[in-house]
Amino acid sequence: MAFPRPANFPYKEVFYFDGEIALIKGRYKDSDRDSIGMRWMVGESDLGYPSTFGNAMWMVVPDKLAQYILEGIFRDLEKQRKFVSDFQEFMDSLDFIRTE
């Protein structure tokens, strides 16, 4: 699976992918801090969602929602662990979002 690498949202690795939803931690545009990015890899087109002008993109997840998502994965880690492709990046993202 190829994940987008837009210049306006650089990130280290996709740390979670369950076959449909992918999560990253990166720095969107000129922000002074990291954010959690999310995208659906399935959708109405081969690009998934979101996409703009024929280019696959990442959506910045608001911190409170990102916390709910990451905490939910963590609470169900026994089942979700197989979808966490970079465990250290997942834990770093969870620690980051808990302090925001």
Protein backbone atom coordinates (compact mmCIF):
# COMPACT_ATOMS: atom_id res chain seq x y z
CA MET A 1 0.00 0.00 0.00
CA ALA A 2 1.41 3.37 -1.02
CA PHE A 3 0.76 6.23 1.36
CA PRO A 4 0.89 9.86 0.20
CA ARG A 5 3.89 12.04 1.04
CA PRO A 6 2.65 15.59 0.43
CA ALA A 7 5.25 18.29 0.95
CA ASN A 8 2.88 20.24 3.22
CA PHE A 9 2.55 17.43 5.82
CA PRO A 10 5.89 15.63 6.30
CA TYR A 11 5.91 12.65 8.66
CA LYS A 12 8.21 9.84 9.75
CA GLU A 13 6.08 6.71 9.25
CA VAL A 14 2.50 5.51 9.08
CA PHE A 15 2.18 4.07 12.58
CA TYR A 16 -1.30 2.55 12.27
CA PHE A 17 -3.08 0.96 9.33
CA ASP A 18 -6.00 -1.46 9.66
CA GLY A 19 -6.60 -1.93 5.94
CA GLU A 20 -8.88 1.12 5.74
CA ILE A 21 -7.69 3.81 8.15
CA ALA A 22 -4.12 5.09 8.33
CA LEU A 23 -2.63 7.38 11.02
CA ILE A 24 0.54 9.48 11.11
CA LYS A 25 2.16 12.11 13.32
CA GLY A 26 3.59 15.02 11.35
CA ARG A 27 3.85 18.76 11.04
CA TYR A 28 1.20 20.33 8.82
CA LYS A 29 2.29 23.35 6.76
CA ASP A 30 3.83 26.10 8.89
CA SER A 31 2.51 24.84 12.22
CA ASP A 32 4.82 25.17 15.20
CA ARG A 33 3.86 21.72 16.50
CA ASP A 34 3.01 18.21 15.36
CA SER A 35 -0.50 16.94 14.62
CA ILE A 36 -2.09 13.57 14.05
CA GLY A 37 -3.00 12.95 10.43
CA MET A 38 -5.60 10.46 9.21
CA ARG A 39 -6.94 9.16 5.94
CA TRP A 40 -9.22 6.46 4.64
CA MET A 41 -7.40 4.35 2.10
CA VAL A 42 -10.68 3.15 0.61
CA GLY A 43 -13.30 5.40 -0.85
CA GLU A 44 -15.04 6.50 -3.95
CA SER A 45 -11.78 6.39 -5.92
CA ASP A 46 -8.44 4.60 -5.83
CA LEU A 47 -7.00 7.66 -4.08
CA GLY A 48 -8.94 7.11 -0.87
CA TYR A 49 -10.07 10.10 1.18
CA PRO A 50 -9.21 12.91 1.45
CA SER A 51 -7.87 13.85 -1.95
CA THR A 52 -7.55 17.22 -3.63
CA PHE A 53 -7.14 17.88 -7.34
CA GLY A 54 -6.26 14.24 -7.98
CA ASN A 55 -3.71 14.02 -5.15
CA ALA A 56 -4.10 11.89 -2.04
CA MET A 57 -3.85 13.98 1.15
CA TRP A 58 -3.87 13.63 4.94
CA MET A 59 -6.49 15.22 7.16
CA VAL A 60 -5.33 16.94 10.35
CA VAL A 61 -7.29 15.44 13.23
CA PRO A 62 -8.21 17.93 15.99
CA ASP A 63 -6.31 17.12 19.19
CA LYS A 64 -9.36 16.09 21.25
CA LEU A 65 -10.59 13.72 18.56
CA ALA A 66 -7.06 12.38 18.02
CA GLN A 67 -6.87 11.65 21.74
CA TYR A 68 -10.11 9.64 21.61
CA ILE A 69 -8.88 7.69 18.58
CA LEU A 70 -5.44 6.87 20.02
CA GLU A 71 -6.79 6.10 23.49
CA GLY A 72 -9.36 3.77 21.89
CA ILE A 73 -6.62 1.90 20.04
CA PHE A 74 -4.56 1.72 23.24
CA ARG A 75 -7.48 0.39 25.32
CA ASP A 76 -8.03 -2.37 22.75
CA LEU A 77 -4.33 -2.92 22.09
CA GLU A 78 -4.54 -6.70 22.33
CA LYS A 79 -6.73 -6.73 19.19
CA GLN A 80 -5.34 -3.56 17.59
CA ARG A 81 -1.62 -4.42 17.97
CA LYS A 82 -1.56 -6.21 14.60
CA PHE A 83 -2.46 -2.89 12.91
CA VAL A 84 0.23 -0.86 14.69
CA SER A 85 3.11 -0.94 12.21
CA ASP A 86 5.45 1.28 14.24
CA PHE A 87 4.80 0.72 17.94
CA GLN A 88 7.29 3.35 19.12
CA GLU A 89 5.76 6.00 16.84
CA PHE A 90 2.29 5.03 18.11
CA MET A 91 3.38 5.39 21.75
CA ASP A 92 5.17 8.68 20.99
CA SER A 93 1.99 9.95 19.32
CA LEU A 94 -0.12 8.85 22.27
CA ASP A 95 2.23 10.58 24.73
CA PHE A 96 2.26 13.69 22.55
CA ILE A 97 -1.52 13.93 22.28
CA ARG A 98 -1.98 13.27 26.02
CA THR A 99 0.12 16.35 26.82
CA GLU A 100 -1.72 18.67 24.45
